[in-house]
Amino acid sequence: MSSPAWNPNGTEHPISPYFQYPAYQDTFVVIDILVLLSLGIFSVSSNGFLVLITIKFKTALNSSCFYLLGLNAFYDMIVASTGIIASILYAIYGKFKLTRNACLWFNIVPLTAFHMSFVFVFFIAFDRLLSVFFPIWYFFRFPHFILGCKPPFFFSGFLIYMYRMVRLVSYFHPIAFLYFT
């Protein structure tokens, strides 16, 4: 980086030239860790509760929308749990460097879950749209049809995503910094 505030060897925090109180920067890091940890714990517990309800009441909630909501909550729970892991690692080790392969393997599961969550939101919206426009047809035929059509789309989308993710790694800088600010 060409900025004079950037520390090229990565041993200290990059200090912004506009930051007036650099002595308080570590205090803000602690606040960031606490906020990330508390939001992650809240998100994991609430999404885990939704997954538990979906599993426990699977016979009462007999619709593809409820199954999709449970799967979406599961993927959101994976994304939120990585925030907890990252904040704990940052609290224990402080600032640390990751190689590009380690950065890829640290981020591949949460990024995949993040993108799958968007796919499930699209399918939930599509499912609700069809249930509003074609209520009788949807009630008798569509729930099993939509659940049967989705796995091939998920699998092909996952393969395309993995291919693009692995190709993207070759463009990364050899050292990837992990900052949570």
N, C-alpha and C. Protein backbone atom coordinates (compact mmCIF):
# COMPACT_ATOMS: atom_id res chain seq x y z
N MET A 1 0.84 -1.17 0.00
CA MET A 1 0.00 0.00 0.00
C MET A 1 0.89 1.24 0.00
N SER A 2 0.42 2.26 -0.62
CA SER A 2 1.21 3.47 -0.71
C SER A 2 0.86 4.49 0.37
N SER A 3 -0.09 4.18 1.21
CA SER A 3 -0.49 5.10 2.26
C SER A 3 0.58 5.16 3.34
N PRO A 4 0.93 6.36 3.83
CA PRO A 4 1.94 6.45 4.89
C PRO A 4 1.47 5.86 6.21
N ALA A 5 0.18 5.68 6.36
CA ALA A 5 -0.33 5.13 7.62
C ALA A 5 -0.27 3.61 7.64
N TRP A 6 0.04 2.99 6.51
CA TRP A 6 0.08 1.54 6.43
C TRP A 6 1.42 1.03 6.92
N ASN A 7 1.38 0.05 7.79
CA ASN A 7 2.60 -0.56 8.29
C ASN A 7 2.90 -1.77 7.42
N PRO A 8 3.96 -1.74 6.60
CA PRO A 8 4.17 -2.80 5.61
C PRO A 8 4.51 -4.16 6.21
N ASN A 9 5.12 -4.22 7.38
CA ASN A 9 5.46 -5.53 7.92
C ASN A 9 4.32 -6.13 8.73
N GLY A 10 3.24 -5.42 8.94
CA GLY A 10 2.04 -5.97 9.55
C GLY A 10 2.15 -6.24 11.03
N THR A 11 3.08 -5.61 11.72
CA THR A 11 3.23 -5.90 13.15
C THR A 11 2.31 -5.07 14.02
N GLU A 12 1.79 -3.97 13.50
CA GLU A 12 0.90 -3.12 14.28
C GLU A 12 -0.38 -2.87 13.49
N HIS A 13 -1.32 -2.25 14.16
CA HIS A 13 -2.56 -1.90 13.49
C HIS A 13 -2.28 -0.79 12.49
N PRO A 14 -2.91 -0.85 11.31
CA PRO A 14 -2.80 0.30 10.41
C PRO A 14 -3.56 1.47 11.01
N ILE A 15 -2.89 2.56 11.22
CA ILE A 15 -3.50 3.72 11.86
C ILE A 15 -3.89 4.72 10.78
N SER A 16 -5.12 5.11 10.80
CA SER A 16 -5.60 6.09 9.85
C SER A 16 -5.02 7.46 10.20
N PRO A 17 -4.61 8.24 9.20
CA PRO A 17 -4.11 9.58 9.50
C PRO A 17 -5.20 10.50 10.04
N TYR A 18 -6.47 10.13 9.86
CA TYR A 18 -7.57 10.94 10.35
C TYR A 18 -8.02 10.54 11.74
N PHE A 19 -7.46 9.47 12.27
CA PHE A 19 -7.83 9.00 13.61
C PHE A 19 -7.08 9.84 14.62
N GLN A 20 -7.80 10.60 15.47
CA GLN A 20 -7.17 11.58 16.34
C GLN A 20 -6.58 10.98 17.61
N TYR A 21 -7.06 9.83 18.04
CA TYR A 21 -6.60 9.24 19.30
C TYR A 21 -6.11 7.81 19.07
N PRO A 22 -4.87 7.64 18.58
CA PRO A 22 -4.39 6.28 18.30
C PRO A 22 -4.23 5.43 19.55
N ALA A 23 -4.14 6.04 20.73
CA ALA A 23 -4.01 5.25 21.96
C ALA A 23 -5.28 4.47 22.26
N TYR A 24 -6.41 4.93 21.75
CA TYR A 24 -7.68 4.26 22.01
C TYR A 24 -8.04 3.22 20.95
N GLN A 25 -7.15 2.98 20.00
CA GLN A 25 -7.48 2.06 18.92
C GLN A 25 -7.67 0.63 19.44
N ASP A 26 -6.88 0.21 20.41
CA ASP A 26 -7.06 -1.13 20.98
C ASP A 26 -8.38 -1.25 21.72
N THR A 27 -8.86 -0.16 22.30
CA THR A 27 -10.16 -0.17 22.96
C THR A 27 -11.26 -0.44 21.95
N PHE A 28 -11.14 0.16 20.77
CA PHE A 28 -12.14 -0.08 19.73
C PHE A 28 -12.07 -1.51 19.22
N VAL A 29 -10.89 -2.11 19.23
CA VAL A 29 -10.76 -3.51 18.83
C VAL A 29 -11.51 -4.40 19.81
N VAL A 30 -11.40 -4.11 21.10
CA VAL A 30 -12.12 -4.89 22.11
C VAL A 30 -13.63 -4.73 21.93
N ILE A 31 -14.06 -3.52 21.64
CA ILE A 31 -15.49 -3.29 21.40
C ILE A 31 -15.95 -4.06 20.17
N ASP A 32 -15.13 -4.06 19.11
CA ASP A 32 -15.47 -4.82 17.91
C ASP A 32 -15.59 -6.31 18.21
N ILE A 33 -14.66 -6.83 18.99
CA ILE A 33 -14.69 -8.25 19.35
C ILE A 33 -15.95 -8.57 20.14
N LEU A 34 -16.29 -7.73 21.11
CA LEU A 34 -17.48 -7.98 21.93
C LEU A 34 -18.77 -7.89 21.12
N VAL A 35 -18.84 -6.93 20.22
CA VAL A 35 -20.04 -6.80 19.39
C VAL A 35 -20.17 -7.99 18.45
N LEU A 36 -19.06 -8.38 17.81
CA LEU A 36 -19.09 -9.52 16.90
C LEU A 36 -19.44 -10.81 17.64
N LEU A 37 -18.89 -10.97 18.84
CA LEU A 37 -19.17 -12.16 19.63
C LEU A 37 -20.63 -12.20 20.10
N SER A 38 -21.15 -11.08 20.58
CA SER A 38 -22.53 -11.07 21.06
C SER A 38 -23.53 -11.26 19.92
N LEU A 39 -23.30 -10.62 18.78
CA LEU A 39 -24.19 -10.82 17.64
C LEU A 39 -24.12 -12.25 17.12
N GLY A 40 -22.92 -12.82 17.12
CA GLY A 40 -22.78 -14.21 16.68
C GLY A 40 -23.49 -15.18 17.59
N ILE A 41 -23.37 -14.98 18.89
CA ILE A 41 -24.05 -15.87 19.85
C ILE A 41 -25.57 -15.73 19.72
N PHE A 42 -26.06 -14.51 19.59
CA PHE A 42 -27.50 -14.31 19.41
C PHE A 42 -28.00 -14.96 18.13
N SER A 43 -27.25 -14.79 17.05
CA SER A 43 -27.68 -15.34 15.76
C SER A 43 -27.64 -16.86 15.76
N VAL A 44 -26.58 -17.44 16.33
CA VAL A 44 -26.49 -18.90 16.38
C VAL A 44 -27.62 -19.48 17.23
N SER A 45 -27.89 -18.85 18.37
CA SER A 45 -28.94 -19.39 19.24
C SER A 45 -30.33 -19.24 18.61
N SER A 46 -30.62 -18.11 18.00
CA SER A 46 -31.96 -17.94 17.41
C SER A 46 -32.14 -18.80 16.16
N ASN A 47 -31.12 -18.89 15.31
CA ASN A 47 -31.23 -19.75 14.14
C ASN A 47 -31.23 -21.23 14.53
N GLY A 48 -30.47 -21.58 15.57
CA GLY A 48 -30.50 -22.95 16.06
C GLY A 48 -31.85 -23.32 16.61
N PHE A 49 -32.51 -22.38 17.26
CA PHE A 49 -33.86 -22.62 17.76
C PHE A 49 -34.83 -22.85 16.61
N LEU A 50 -34.68 -22.08 15.53
CA LEU A 50 -35.54 -22.27 14.36
C LEU A 50 -35.29 -23.62 13.69
N VAL A 51 -34.03 -24.04 13.62
CA VAL A 51 -33.72 -25.36 13.06
C VAL A 51 -34.31 -26.45 13.95
N LEU A 52 -34.20 -26.29 15.25
CA LEU A 52 -34.75 -27.27 16.19
C LEU A 52 -36.27 -27.37 16.05
N ILE A 53 -36.95 -26.26 15.90
CA ILE A 53 -38.40 -26.27 15.70
C ILE A 53 -38.76 -26.96 14.39
N THR A 54 -37.97 -26.69 13.34
CA THR A 54 -38.24 -27.33 12.05
C THR A 54 -38.09 -28.84 12.15
N ILE A 55 -37.08 -29.31 12.86
CA ILE A 55 -36.87 -30.75 13.00
C ILE A 55 -37.94 -31.37 13.91
N LYS A 56 -38.25 -30.71 15.00
CA LYS A 56 -39.18 -31.28 15.97
C LYS A 56 -40.61 -31.34 15.43
N PHE A 57 -41.04 -30.33 14.72
CA PHE A 57 -42.42 -30.26 14.23
C PHE A 57 -42.49 -30.49 12.72
N LYS A 58 -41.70 -31.42 12.19
CA LYS A 58 -41.68 -31.62 10.75
C LYS A 58 -42.98 -32.22 10.21
N THR A 59 -43.73 -32.91 11.05
CA THR A 59 -45.01 -33.44 10.57
C THR A 59 -46.10 -32.37 10.61
N ALA A 60 -46.05 -31.48 11.57
CA ALA A 60 -47.07 -30.43 11.67
C ALA A 60 -46.84 -29.33 10.64
N LEU A 61 -45.58 -29.02 10.38
CA LEU A 61 -45.24 -27.98 9.40
C LEU A 61 -44.93 -28.66 8.08
N ASN A 62 -45.95 -29.17 7.43
CA ASN A 62 -45.76 -29.98 6.23
C ASN A 62 -45.88 -29.12 4.98
N SER A 63 -44.89 -28.31 4.74
CA SER A 63 -44.85 -27.46 3.56
C SER A 63 -43.40 -27.26 3.17
N SER A 64 -43.17 -27.05 1.89
CA SER A 64 -41.79 -26.84 1.45
C SER A 64 -41.22 -25.54 1.99
N CYS A 65 -42.07 -24.57 2.27
CA CYS A 65 -41.60 -23.29 2.80
C CYS A 65 -40.96 -23.48 4.17
N PHE A 66 -41.54 -24.31 5.01
CA PHE A 66 -40.99 -24.53 6.34
C PHE A 66 -39.65 -25.26 6.28
N TYR A 67 -39.55 -26.21 5.35
CA TYR A 67 -38.27 -26.91 5.18
C TYR A 67 -37.20 -25.94 4.68
N LEU A 68 -37.59 -25.09 3.75
CA LEU A 68 -36.63 -24.11 3.22
C LEU A 68 -36.22 -23.10 4.29
N LEU A 69 -37.16 -22.69 5.13
CA LEU A 69 -36.81 -21.77 6.23
C LEU A 69 -35.84 -22.43 7.21
N GLY A 70 -36.05 -23.71 7.49
CA GLY A 70 -35.13 -24.43 8.38
C GLY A 70 -33.74 -24.56 7.78
N LEU A 71 -33.66 -24.85 6.48
CA LEU A 71 -32.35 -24.95 5.83
C LEU A 71 -31.67 -23.58 5.77
N ASN A 72 -32.45 -22.54 5.50
CA ASN A 72 -31.89 -21.19 5.48
C ASN A 72 -31.35 -20.81 6.86
N ALA A 73 -32.07 -21.17 7.91
CA ALA A 73 -31.60 -20.89 9.27
C ALA A 73 -30.33 -21.68 9.58
N PHE A 74 -30.23 -22.90 9.07
CA PHE A 74 -29.02 -23.71 9.28
C PHE A 74 -27.81 -23.04 8.63
N TYR A 75 -27.97 -22.58 7.39
CA TYR A 75 -26.85 -21.92 6.72
C TYR A 75 -26.51 -20.58 7.38
N ASP A 76 -27.50 -19.85 7.84
CA ASP A 76 -27.23 -18.62 8.58
C ASP A 76 -26.52 -18.90 9.89
N MET A 77 -26.82 -20.03 10.50
CA MET A 77 -26.15 -20.42 11.73
C MET A 77 -24.67 -20.71 11.47
N ILE A 78 -24.35 -21.30 10.33
CA ILE A 78 -22.95 -21.55 9.97
C ILE A 78 -22.21 -20.22 9.80
N VAL A 79 -22.83 -19.28 9.11
CA VAL A 79 -22.20 -17.98 8.89
C VAL A 79 -21.97 -17.27 10.22
N ALA A 80 -22.94 -17.30 11.11
CA ALA A 80 -22.80 -16.62 12.40
C ALA A 80 -21.77 -17.31 13.29
N SER A 81 -21.65 -18.62 13.19
CA SER A 81 -20.67 -19.31 14.02
C SER A 81 -19.25 -18.97 13.61
N THR A 82 -19.03 -18.64 12.34
CA THR A 82 -17.68 -18.23 11.94
C THR A 82 -17.33 -16.87 12.53
N GLY A 83 -18.32 -16.02 12.75
CA GLY A 83 -18.04 -14.75 13.44
C GLY A 83 -17.60 -14.98 14.87
N ILE A 84 -18.19 -15.98 15.52
CA ILE A 84 -17.77 -16.32 16.88
C ILE A 84 -16.35 -16.86 16.87
N ILE A 85 -16.06 -17.76 15.95
CA ILE A 85 -14.72 -18.34 15.86
C ILE A 85 -13.68 -17.27 15.57
N ALA A 86 -14.00 -16.38 14.64
CA ALA A 86 -13.05 -15.33 14.28
C ALA A 86 -12.79 -14.38 15.44
N SER A 87 -13.83 -14.02 16.18
CA SER A 87 -13.63 -13.11 17.31
C SER A 87 -12.83 -13.78 18.42
N ILE A 88 -13.04 -15.07 18.65
CA ILE A 88 -12.26 -15.78 19.67
C ILE A 88 -10.80 -15.87 19.24
N LEU A 89 -10.55 -16.19 17.97
CA LEU A 89 -9.17 -16.26 17.48
C LEU A 89 -8.48 -14.91 17.57
N TYR A 90 -9.21 -13.86 17.22
CA TYR A 90 -8.61 -12.53 17.28
C TYR A 90 -8.36 -12.10 18.73
N ALA A 91 -9.24 -12.51 19.65
CA ALA A 91 -9.04 -12.17 21.06
C ALA A 91 -7.85 -12.93 21.64
N ILE A 92 -7.63 -14.16 21.20
CA ILE A 92 -6.52 -14.96 21.73
C ILE A 92 -5.20 -14.57 21.11
N TYR A 93 -5.14 -14.52 19.78
CA TYR A 93 -3.87 -14.31 19.09
C TYR A 93 -3.62 -12.88 18.67
N GLY A 94 -4.60 -12.03 18.74
CA GLY A 94 -4.43 -10.67 18.24
C GLY A 94 -4.43 -10.67 16.72
N LYS A 95 -3.68 -9.76 16.14
CA LYS A 95 -3.60 -9.70 14.69
C LYS A 95 -2.68 -10.80 14.20
N PHE A 96 -3.12 -11.52 13.20
CA PHE A 96 -2.31 -12.60 12.67
C PHE A 96 -2.44 -12.64 11.16
N LYS A 97 -1.49 -13.30 10.53
CA LYS A 97 -1.47 -13.40 9.08
C LYS A 97 -1.89 -14.81 8.68
N LEU A 98 -2.54 -14.89 7.55
CA LEU A 98 -2.91 -16.17 6.98
C LEU A 98 -2.34 -16.25 5.57
N THR A 99 -1.87 -17.42 5.20
CA THR A 99 -1.49 -17.61 3.81
C THR A 99 -2.75 -17.66 2.97
N ARG A 100 -2.60 -17.60 1.68
CA ARG A 100 -3.80 -17.58 0.85
C ARG A 100 -4.57 -18.90 0.92
N ASN A 101 -3.86 -20.02 1.07
CA ASN A 101 -4.57 -21.29 1.19
C ASN A 101 -5.31 -21.39 2.53
N ALA A 102 -4.66 -20.93 3.60
CA ALA A 102 -5.33 -20.94 4.90
C ALA A 102 -6.53 -19.99 4.90
N CYS A 103 -6.38 -18.85 4.24
CA CYS A 103 -7.49 -17.90 4.14
C CYS A 103 -8.65 -18.52 3.35
N LEU A 104 -8.31 -19.25 2.28
CA LEU A 104 -9.35 -19.92 1.50
C LEU A 104 -10.09 -20.94 2.35
N TRP A 105 -9.36 -21.79 3.07
CA TRP A 105 -10.01 -22.85 3.83
C TRP A 105 -10.72 -22.31 5.06
N PHE A 106 -10.27 -21.17 5.57
CA PHE A 106 -10.98 -20.55 6.69
C PHE A 106 -12.30 -19.93 6.23
N ASN A 107 -12.33 -19.44 5.00
CA ASN A 107 -13.50 -18.71 4.51
C ASN A 107 -14.40 -19.49 3.58
N ILE A 108 -14.00 -20.68 3.13
CA ILE A 108 -14.79 -21.37 2.11
C ILE A 108 -16.14 -21.84 2.65
N VAL A 109 -16.17 -22.35 3.85
CA VAL A 109 -17.44 -22.84 4.41
C VAL A 109 -18.39 -21.68 4.71
N PRO A 110 -17.94 -20.60 5.38
CA PRO A 110 -18.89 -19.51 5.61
C PRO A 110 -19.33 -18.80 4.34
N LEU A 111 -18.43 -18.67 3.36
CA LEU A 111 -18.84 -18.02 2.11
C LEU A 111 -19.84 -18.89 1.35
N THR A 112 -19.61 -20.20 1.36
CA THR A 112 -20.56 -21.09 0.71
C THR A 112 -21.91 -21.03 1.41
N ALA A 113 -21.90 -21.05 2.73
CA ALA A 113 -23.16 -20.97 3.48
C ALA A 113 -23.84 -19.62 3.25
N PHE A 114 -23.06 -18.56 3.15
CA PHE A 114 -23.61 -17.23 2.90
C PHE A 114 -24.31 -17.18 1.55
N HIS A 115 -23.67 -17.73 0.52
CA HIS A 115 -24.27 -17.73 -0.80
C HIS A 115 -25.46 -18.68 -0.88
N MET A 116 -25.40 -19.81 -0.20
CA MET A 116 -26.53 -20.72 -0.20
C MET A 116 -27.73 -20.11 0.53
N SER A 117 -27.46 -19.27 1.51
CA SER A 117 -28.55 -18.59 2.20
C SER A 117 -29.31 -17.69 1.23
N PHE A 118 -28.59 -17.01 0.34
CA PHE A 118 -29.26 -16.18 -0.66
C PHE A 118 -30.06 -17.03 -1.63
N VAL A 119 -29.54 -18.20 -1.99
CA VAL A 119 -30.28 -19.10 -2.87
C VAL A 119 -31.57 -19.56 -2.20
N PHE A 120 -31.49 -19.88 -0.92
CA PHE A 120 -32.69 -20.32 -0.21
C PHE A 120 -33.70 -19.19 -0.06
N VAL A 121 -33.24 -17.98 0.12
CA VAL A 121 -34.18 -16.85 0.19
C VAL A 121 -34.91 -16.69 -1.14
N PHE A 122 -34.18 -16.87 -2.25
CA PHE A 122 -34.84 -16.81 -3.56
C PHE A 122 -35.88 -17.91 -3.70
N PHE A 123 -35.54 -19.14 -3.29
CA PHE A 123 -36.50 -20.24 -3.41
C PHE A 123 -37.69 -20.08 -2.47
N ILE A 124 -37.46 -19.51 -1.30
CA ILE A 124 -38.58 -19.23 -0.39
C ILE A 124 -39.52 -18.21 -1.01
N ALA A 125 -38.95 -17.17 -1.60
CA ALA A 125 -39.78 -16.15 -2.25
C ALA A 125 -40.53 -16.74 -3.44
N PHE A 126 -39.86 -17.58 -4.22
CA PHE A 126 -40.51 -18.22 -5.37
C PHE A 126 -41.62 -19.16 -4.91
N ASP A 127 -41.37 -19.89 -3.85
CA ASP A 127 -42.37 -20.79 -3.28
C ASP A 127 -43.60 -20.03 -2.80
N ARG A 128 -43.39 -18.93 -2.11
CA ARG A 128 -44.52 -18.13 -1.62
C ARG A 128 -45.27 -17.46 -2.77
N LEU A 129 -44.54 -17.04 -3.81
CA LEU A 129 -45.18 -16.42 -4.97
C LEU A 129 -46.11 -17.41 -5.67
N LEU A 130 -45.64 -18.64 -5.86
CA LEU A 130 -46.48 -19.65 -6.50
C LEU A 130 -47.66 -20.05 -5.63
N SER A 131 -47.47 -20.05 -4.32
CA SER A 131 -48.59 -20.41 -3.45
C SER A 131 -49.67 -19.32 -3.44
N VAL A 132 -49.29 -18.08 -3.74
CA VAL A 132 -50.28 -17.01 -3.80
C VAL A 132 -51.00 -17.00 -5.15
N PHE A 133 -50.25 -17.18 -6.25
CA PHE A 133 -50.87 -17.10 -7.57
C PHE A 133 -51.63 -18.37 -7.95
N PHE A 134 -51.15 -19.54 -7.50
CA PHE A 134 -51.80 -20.81 -7.84
C PHE A 134 -52.06 -21.61 -6.57
N PRO A 135 -52.99 -21.18 -5.73
CA PRO A 135 -53.14 -21.82 -4.42
C PRO A 135 -53.63 -23.26 -4.48
N ILE A 136 -54.58 -23.58 -5.35
CA ILE A 136 -55.11 -24.94 -5.40
C ILE A 136 -54.08 -25.88 -6.00
N TRP A 137 -53.47 -25.49 -7.11
CA TRP A 137 -52.44 -26.33 -7.74
C TRP A 137 -51.25 -26.51 -6.80
N TYR A 138 -50.87 -25.46 -6.13
CA TYR A 138 -49.74 -25.53 -5.20
C TYR A 138 -50.05 -26.47 -4.04
N PHE A 139 -51.25 -26.40 -3.53
CA PHE A 139 -51.61 -27.21 -2.36
C PHE A 139 -51.55 -28.71 -2.67
N PHE A 140 -51.95 -29.10 -3.88
CA PHE A 140 -52.01 -30.53 -4.18
C PHE A 140 -50.73 -31.08 -4.81
N ARG A 141 -50.01 -30.30 -5.60
CA ARG A 141 -48.90 -30.87 -6.35
C ARG A 141 -47.55 -30.22 -6.11
N PHE A 142 -47.54 -28.96 -5.84
CA PHE A 142 -46.27 -28.24 -5.92
C PHE A 142 -45.29 -28.51 -4.78
N PRO A 143 -45.68 -28.74 -3.54
CA PRO A 143 -44.66 -28.91 -2.49
C PRO A 143 -43.67 -30.03 -2.77
N HIS A 144 -44.16 -31.15 -3.29
CA HIS A 144 -43.25 -32.25 -3.60
C HIS A 144 -42.46 -31.96 -4.87
N PHE A 145 -43.07 -31.24 -5.81
CA PHE A 145 -42.39 -30.90 -7.05
C PHE A 145 -41.22 -29.97 -6.80
N ILE A 146 -41.42 -28.95 -5.98
CA ILE A 146 -40.36 -27.97 -5.75
C ILE A 146 -39.21 -28.57 -4.94
N LEU A 147 -39.53 -29.45 -3.99
CA LEU A 147 -38.46 -30.09 -3.23
C LEU A 147 -37.69 -31.07 -4.10
N GLY A 148 -38.34 -31.68 -5.08
CA GLY A 148 -37.65 -32.61 -5.97
C GLY A 148 -36.78 -31.91 -7.00
N CYS A 149 -37.13 -30.69 -7.37
CA CYS A 149 -36.36 -29.97 -8.39
C CYS A 149 -35.17 -29.23 -7.83
N LYS A 150 -35.14 -28.96 -6.55
CA LYS A 150 -34.10 -28.11 -6.00
C LYS A 150 -32.73 -28.77 -5.84
N PRO A 151 -32.62 -30.04 -5.44
CA PRO A 151 -31.27 -30.60 -5.26
C PRO A 151 -30.37 -30.53 -6.49
N PRO A 152 -30.85 -30.80 -7.72
CA PRO A 152 -29.93 -30.64 -8.86
C PRO A 152 -29.44 -29.19 -9.02
N PHE A 153 -30.32 -28.22 -8.77
CA PHE A 153 -29.89 -26.83 -8.87
C PHE A 153 -28.86 -26.50 -7.79
N PHE A 154 -29.07 -26.99 -6.58
CA PHE A 154 -28.12 -26.73 -5.50
C PHE A 154 -26.77 -27.35 -5.81
N PHE A 155 -26.78 -28.59 -6.27
CA PHE A 155 -25.52 -29.29 -6.53
C PHE A 155 -24.75 -28.64 -7.67
N SER A 156 -25.44 -28.30 -8.77
CA SER A 156 -24.74 -27.66 -9.89
C SER A 156 -24.26 -26.27 -9.50
N GLY A 157 -25.06 -25.54 -8.74
CA GLY A 157 -24.62 -24.22 -8.28
C GLY A 157 -23.43 -24.32 -7.35
N PHE A 158 -23.42 -25.34 -6.49
CA PHE A 158 -22.29 -25.53 -5.58
C PHE A 158 -21.02 -25.86 -6.35
N LEU A 159 -21.11 -26.71 -7.38
CA LEU A 159 -19.92 -27.04 -8.17
C LEU A 159 -19.38 -25.82 -8.92
N ILE A 160 -20.27 -25.02 -9.48
CA ILE A 160 -19.83 -23.80 -10.17
C ILE A 160 -19.19 -22.84 -9.18
N TYR A 161 -19.79 -22.72 -8.01
CA TYR A 161 -19.24 -21.83 -6.98
C TYR A 161 -17.86 -22.29 -6.53
N MET A 162 -17.68 -23.59 -6.30
CA MET A 162 -16.38 -24.10 -5.86
C MET A 162 -15.32 -23.89 -6.94
N TYR A 163 -15.68 -24.10 -8.19
CA TYR A 163 -14.74 -23.88 -9.28
C TYR A 163 -14.30 -22.42 -9.33
N ARG A 164 -15.24 -21.51 -9.20
CA ARG A 164 -14.90 -20.09 -9.24
C ARG A 164 -14.09 -19.68 -8.02
N MET A 165 -14.38 -20.26 -6.85
CA MET A 165 -13.65 -19.92 -5.64
C MET A 165 -12.20 -20.37 -5.72
N VAL A 166 -11.96 -21.57 -6.23
CA VAL A 166 -10.60 -22.07 -6.35
C VAL A 166 -9.82 -21.26 -7.38
N ARG A 167 -10.47 -20.86 -8.46
CA ARG A 167 -9.79 -20.02 -9.45
C ARG A 167 -9.46 -18.64 -8.89
N LEU A 168 -10.31 -18.14 -8.01
CA LEU A 168 -10.11 -16.82 -7.42
C LEU A 168 -8.89 -16.80 -6.51
N VAL A 169 -8.56 -17.93 -5.91
CA VAL A 169 -7.42 -17.99 -5.00
C VAL A 169 -6.13 -17.65 -5.71
N SER A 170 -6.01 -18.00 -6.98
CA SER A 170 -4.78 -17.73 -7.70
C SER A 170 -4.54 -16.23 -7.87
N TYR A 171 -5.56 -15.41 -7.71
CA TYR A 171 -5.40 -13.97 -7.84
C TYR A 171 -5.12 -13.27 -6.52
N PHE A 172 -5.19 -14.01 -5.41
CA PHE A 172 -4.95 -13.41 -4.10
C PHE A 172 -3.48 -13.06 -3.93
N HIS A 173 -3.24 -12.09 -3.10
CA HIS A 173 -1.88 -11.78 -2.68
C HIS A 173 -1.39 -12.94 -1.82
N PRO A 174 -0.09 -13.27 -1.85
CA PRO A 174 0.38 -14.43 -1.07
C PRO A 174 0.05 -14.38 0.41
N ILE A 175 -0.01 -13.19 0.98
CA ILE A 175 -0.38 -13.08 2.39
C ILE A 175 -1.69 -12.32 2.47
N ALA A 176 -2.66 -12.91 3.12
CA ALA A 176 -3.94 -12.24 3.33
C ALA A 176 -4.05 -11.87 4.79
N PHE A 177 -4.36 -10.61 5.06
CA PHE A 177 -4.46 -10.16 6.43
C PHE A 177 -5.89 -10.34 6.92
N LEU A 178 -6.02 -10.67 8.16
CA LEU A 178 -7.34 -10.89 8.75
C LEU A 178 -7.58 -9.80 9.78
N TYR A 179 -8.32 -8.78 9.39
CA TYR A 179 -8.63 -7.67 10.29
C TYR A 179 -10.12 -7.69 10.59
N PHE A 180 -10.47 -7.43 11.80
CA PHE A 180 -11.87 -7.35 12.18
C PHE A 180 -12.13 -5.98 12.78
N THR A 181 -12.12 -4.96 11.95
CA THR A 181 -12.41 -3.62 12.43
C THR A 181 -13.42 -2.97 11.53
